[in-house]
C-alpha atoms as a PDB file:
ATOM      1  CA  MET A   1      -0.269   0.079  -0.195  1.00  0.00           C
ATOM      2  CA  ASN A   2       1.451   3.597  -1.011  1.00  0.00           C
ATOM      3  CA  LYS A   3      -0.469   6.251   1.072  1.00  0.00           C
ATOM      4  CA  VAL A   4       0.532   9.338   2.457  1.00  0.00           C
ATOM      5  CA  ILE A   5      -1.318  12.102   4.350  1.00  0.00           C
ATOM      6  CA  LEU A   6       0.065  15.384   4.644  1.00  0.00           C
ATOM      7  CA  MET A   7       0.079  18.849   6.641  1.00  0.00           C
ATOM      8  CA  GLY A   8       1.860  21.761   5.882  1.00  0.00           C
ATOM      9  CA  ARG A   9       1.992  25.108   4.147  1.00  0.00           C
ATOM     10  CA  LEU A  10       2.840  26.017   0.627  1.00  0.00           C
ATOM     11  CA  THR A  11       6.345  27.394   0.171  1.00  0.00           C
ATOM     12  CA  ARG A  12       5.199  29.592  -2.954  1.00  0.00           C
ATOM     13  CA  ASP A  13       2.015  29.891  -5.375  1.00  0.00           C
ATOM     14  CA  PRO A  14       1.285  26.618  -7.290  1.00  0.00           C
ATOM     15  CA  GLU A  15       2.839  26.319 -10.601  1.00  0.00           C
ATOM     16  CA  VAL A  16       0.142  25.541 -13.500  1.00  0.00           C
ATOM     17  CA  ARG A  17       0.483  24.172 -16.718  1.00  0.00           C
ATOM     18  CA  TYR A  18      -1.965  22.667 -19.088  1.00  0.00           C
ATOM     19  CA  SER A  19      -1.611  19.392 -21.199  1.00  0.00           C
ATOM     20  CA  GLN A  20      -1.686  19.898 -24.739  1.00  0.00           C
ATOM     21  CA  GLY A  21      -4.532  18.042 -26.642  1.00  0.00           C
ATOM     22  CA  GLU A  22      -8.075  18.472 -27.397  1.00  0.00           C
ATOM     23  CA  ASN A  23      -8.538  17.598 -23.396  1.00  0.00           C
ATOM     24  CA  ALA A  24      -6.218  19.703 -21.833  1.00  0.00           C
ATOM     25  CA  THR A  25      -5.555  18.676 -18.258  1.00  0.00           C
ATOM     26  CA  ALA A  26      -4.507  21.038 -15.543  1.00  0.00           C
ATOM     27  CA  VAL A  27      -1.166  20.085 -13.939  1.00  0.00           C
ATOM     28  CA  ALA A  28      -0.255  22.014 -10.430  1.00  0.00           C
ATOM     29  CA  ARG A  29       2.926  21.811  -9.169  1.00  0.00           C
ATOM     30  CA  TYR A  30       3.794  22.801  -5.512  1.00  0.00           C
ATOM     31  CA  THR A  31       5.872  22.694  -2.597  1.00  0.00           C
ATOM     32  CA  LEU A  32       4.546  22.022   1.197  1.00  0.00           C
ATOM     33  CA  ALA A  33       6.696  22.571   4.190  1.00  0.00           C
ATOM     34  CA  VAL A  34       5.848  19.932   6.755  1.00  0.00           C
ATOM     35  CA  ASP A  35       7.136  20.757  10.225  1.00  0.00           C
ATOM     36  CA  ARG A  36       8.937  17.270  12.047  1.00  0.00           C
ATOM     37  CA  ARG A  37       7.692  16.444  15.372  1.00  0.00           C
ATOM     38  CA  PHE A  38      10.932  16.551  16.896  1.00  0.00           C
ATOM     39  CA  ASN A  39      14.447  18.032  16.088  1.00  0.00           C
ATOM     40  CA  ARG A  40      17.108  15.304  15.627  1.00  0.00           C
ATOM     41  CA  ASN A  41      20.909  15.785  16.140  1.00  0.00           C
ATOM     42  CA  ASN A  42      19.719  19.591  16.920  1.00  0.00           C
ATOM     43  CA  SER A  43      19.739  20.319  13.291  1.00  0.00           C
ATOM     44  CA  ASP A  44      18.145  23.755  12.289  1.00  0.00           C
ATOM     45  CA  GLN A  45      16.031  22.111   9.541  1.00  0.00           C
ATOM     46  CA  THR A  46      12.575  21.211  11.436  1.00  0.00           C
ATOM     47  CA  ALA A  47      10.024  20.921   8.606  1.00  0.00           C
ATOM     48  CA  ASP A  48      10.758  18.692   5.270  1.00  0.00           C
ATOM     49  CA  PHE A  49       9.706  20.285   1.570  1.00  0.00           C
ATOM     50  CA  LEU A  50       7.935  18.079   0.004  1.00  0.00           C
ATOM     51  CA  ASN A  51       6.837  18.377  -3.827  1.00  0.00           C
ATOM     52  CA  CYS A  52       3.492  17.874  -4.786  1.00  0.00           C
ATOM     53  CA  VAL A  53       1.256  17.265  -8.028  1.00  0.00           C
ATOM     54  CA  ALA A  54      -2.051  17.780  -8.538  1.00  0.00           C
ATOM     55  CA  PHE A  55      -3.667  16.872 -11.808  1.00  0.00           C
ATOM     56  CA  GLY A  56      -7.377  17.537 -13.685  1.00  0.00           C
ATOM     57  CA  LYS A  57      -9.850  19.171 -11.026  1.00  0.00           C
ATOM     58  CA  ALA A  58      -7.294  19.176  -8.122  1.00  0.00           C
ATOM     59  CA  GLY A  59      -4.883  20.787 -10.150  1.00  0.00           C
ATOM     60  CA  GLU A  60      -7.498  23.836 -10.908  1.00  0.00           C
ATOM     61  CA  PHE A  61      -8.680  23.990  -7.356  1.00  0.00           C
ATOM     62  CA  ALA A  62      -4.862  24.305  -6.040  1.00  0.00           C
ATOM     63  CA  GLU A  63      -4.339  27.337  -8.816  1.00  0.00           C
ATOM     64  CA  ARG A  64      -7.743  28.829  -7.777  1.00  0.00           C
ATOM     65  CA  TYR A  65      -7.698  28.742  -3.776  1.00  0.00           C
ATOM     66  CA  PHE A  66      -4.339  27.707  -2.855  1.00  0.00           C
ATOM     67  CA  HIS A  67      -1.401  30.585  -2.363  1.00  0.00           C
ATOM     68  CA  LYS A  68       1.851  31.021  -0.575  1.00  0.00           C
ATOM     69  CA  GLY A  69       1.482  30.120   3.035  1.00  0.00           C
ATOM     70  CA  THR A  70      -2.050  28.195   2.931  1.00  0.00           C
ATOM     71  CA  LYS A  71      -2.340  25.124   5.255  1.00  0.00           C
ATOM     72  CA  VAL A  72      -3.510  22.518   3.640  1.00  0.00           C
ATOM     73  CA  VAL A  73      -3.856  18.350   3.969  1.00  0.00           C
ATOM     74  CA  VAL A  74      -2.952  16.677   1.140  1.00  0.00           C
ATOM     75  CA  THR A  75      -3.969  13.078   0.704  1.00  0.00           C
ATOM     76  CA  GLY A  76      -1.761  10.474  -1.878  1.00  0.00           C
ATOM     77  CA  ARG A  77       1.034   8.465  -3.096  1.00  0.00           C
ATOM     78  CA  ILE A  78       4.833   8.473  -3.374  1.00  0.00           C
ATOM     79  CA  GLN A  79       6.074   8.420  -6.916  1.00  0.00           C
ATOM     80  CA  THR A  80       9.897   8.363  -7.704  1.00  0.00           C
ATOM     81  CA  GLY A  81      11.061   8.693 -11.247  1.00  0.00           C
ATOM     82  CA  SER A  82      14.508   9.899 -13.135  1.00  0.00           C
ATOM     83  CA  TYR A  83      15.268  11.122 -15.783  1.00  0.00           C
ATOM     84  CA  THR A  84      18.996  12.577 -17.156  1.00  0.00           C
ATOM     85  CA  ASN A  85      19.408  16.178 -17.258  1.00  0.00           C
ATOM     86  CA  LYS A  86      21.061  18.372 -20.537  1.00  0.00           C
ATOM     87  CA  ASP A  87      24.398  18.071 -18.871  1.00  0.00           C
ATOM     88  CA  GLY A  88      23.941  13.935 -18.846  1.00  0.00           C
ATOM     89  CA  VAL A  89      23.742  13.482 -15.395  1.00  0.00           C
ATOM     90  CA  LYS A  90      20.874  11.502 -14.055  1.00  0.00           C
ATOM     91  CA  VAL A  91      18.309  13.291 -11.140  1.00  0.00           C
ATOM     92  CA  TYR A  92      16.015  11.116  -8.959  1.00  0.00           C
ATOM     93  CA  THR A  93      12.684  12.720  -8.299  1.00  0.00           C
ATOM     94  CA  THR A  94      10.206  11.937  -5.503  1.00  0.00           C
ATOM     95  CA  ASP A  95       6.612  13.546  -5.682  1.00  0.00           C
ATOM     96  CA  ILE A  96       3.677  13.463  -3.754  1.00  0.00           C
ATOM     97  CA  VAL A  97       0.720  12.584  -6.404  1.00  0.00           C
ATOM     98  CA  VAL A  98      -2.499  14.353  -4.867  1.00  0.00           C
ATOM     99  CA  GLU A  99      -5.336  12.250  -4.572  1.00  0.00           C
ATOM    100  CA  GLU A 100      -7.264  14.042  -2.087  1.00  0.00           C
ATOM    101  CA  GLN A 101      -6.576  18.109  -0.767  1.00  0.00           C
ATOM    102  CA  GLU A 102      -8.081  20.568   1.602  1.00  0.00           C
ATOM    103  CA  PHE A 103      -7.681  23.398   3.620  1.00  0.00           C
ATOM    104  CA  ALA A 104      -6.315  22.921   6.960  1.00  0.00           C
ATOM    105  CA  GLU A 105      -7.374  26.268   8.917  1.00  0.00           C
ATOM    106  CA  SER A 106     -10.254  29.012   7.947  1.00  0.00           C
ATOM    107  CA  LYS A 107      -9.722  31.881   6.593  1.00  0.00           C
ATOM    108  CA  ASN A 108      -9.944  33.887   9.716  1.00  0.00           C
ATOM    109  CA  ALA A 109      -7.132  31.669  11.284  1.00  0.00           C
ATOM    110  CA  SER A 110      -4.732  32.481   8.246  1.00  0.00           C
ATOM    111  CA  GLY A 111      -5.172  36.274   8.162  1.00  0.00           C
ATOM    112  CA  GLY A 112      -7.981  36.329   6.080  1.00  0.00           C
ATOM    113  CA  SER A 113     -11.595  37.959   6.049  1.00  0.00           C
ATOM    114  CA  GLU A 114     -14.085  35.316   6.315  1.00  0.00           C
ATOM    115  CA  SER A 115     -16.896  35.839   8.790  1.00  0.00           C
ATOM    116  CA  GLY A 116     -18.840  33.387  10.375  1.00  0.00           C
ATOM    117  CA  TYR A 117     -22.814  32.797  10.667  1.00  0.00           C
ATOM    118  CA  VAL A 118     -24.028  34.510  13.116  1.00  0.00           C
ATOM    119  CA  PRO A 119     -27.850  34.493  14.342  1.00  0.00           C
ATOM    120  CA  ALA A 120     -29.759  37.647  13.386  1.00  0.00           C
ATOM    121  CA  GLY A 121     -30.174  40.073  16.575  1.00  0.00           C
ATOM    122  CA  ARG A 122     -27.142  38.368  18.306  1.00  0.00           C
ATOM    123  CA  PRO A 123     -23.858  39.610  18.985  1.00  0.00           C
ATOM    124  CA  ALA A 124     -20.865  38.325  16.871  1.00  0.00           C
ATOM    125  CA  PRO A 125     -18.787  36.220  19.389  1.00  0.00           C
ATOM    126  CA  ALA A 126     -15.611  37.652  20.003  1.00  0.00           C
ATOM    127  CA  ALA A 127     -12.159  35.491  19.472  1.00  0.00           C
ATOM    128  CA  ALA A 128     -10.469  34.534  22.725  1.00  0.00           C
ATOM    129  CA  GLY A 129      -6.669  34.510  23.171  1.00  0.00           C
ATOM    130  CA  ASP A 130      -6.664  30.976  23.202  1.00  0.00           C
ATOM    131  CA  GLY A 131      -8.145  30.579  19.779  1.00  0.00           C
ATOM    132  CA  PHE A 132     -11.575  29.239  20.705  1.00  0.00           C
ATOM    133  CA  MET A 133     -14.627  30.919  20.155  1.00  0.00           C
ATOM    134  CA  ASN A 134     -16.427  32.792  23.155  1.00  0.00           C
ATOM    135  CA  ILE A 135     -20.222  31.802  23.505  1.00  0.00           C
ATOM    136  CA  PRO A 136     -22.332  35.098  23.920  1.00  0.00           C
ATOM    137  CA  ASP A 137     -24.256  34.852  27.068  1.00  0.00           C
ATOM    138  CA  GLY A 138     -28.194  33.717  27.296  1.00  0.00           C
ATOM    139  CA  ILE A 139     -27.669  31.170  24.586  1.00  0.00           C
ATOM    140  CA  ASP A 140     -27.040  28.264  26.967  1.00  0.00           C
ATOM    141  CA  GLU A 141     -30.949  26.416  26.583  1.00  0.00           C
ATOM    142  CA  GLU A 142     -30.366  26.656  23.044  1.00  0.00           C
ATOM    143  CA  LEU A 143     -27.075  24.695  23.163  1.00  0.00           C
ATOM    144  CA  PRO A 144     -27.349  20.871  22.121  1.00  0.00           C
ATOM    145  CA  PHE A 145     -24.722  19.799  25.352  1.00  0.00           C
ATOM    146  CA  ASN A 146     -24.331  20.959  28.577  1.00  0.00           C
END
């Protein structure tokens, strides 16, 4: 079984190209910086930089919505390959072929301006310092839990 699940941030905007022919297919390439859980041998590098490639609709989605710094979750498979460059040197490659991709945080968390749903007549809940939303007073009876 060849399955990988990654969560990280894009190091740059995706590079998108379209295949030639009657049915052009989007091919998006981007690099994810994935934090390591712990630091080995006092190394300064605390992240791995993994090359991802998304085809078709996934590539179009990446082109439209992914930007440098976006935190995403990617599910896919590892694919290795090689080619000979113009200097005659064999170059080995490792890519993550994307099967699924989605945002790992809201626009609010990444500095965007997404507004959440607030019922009419209620004040918008303020964000607490711990990253959780405060529940407005007086709606305890409407919550499905206590």
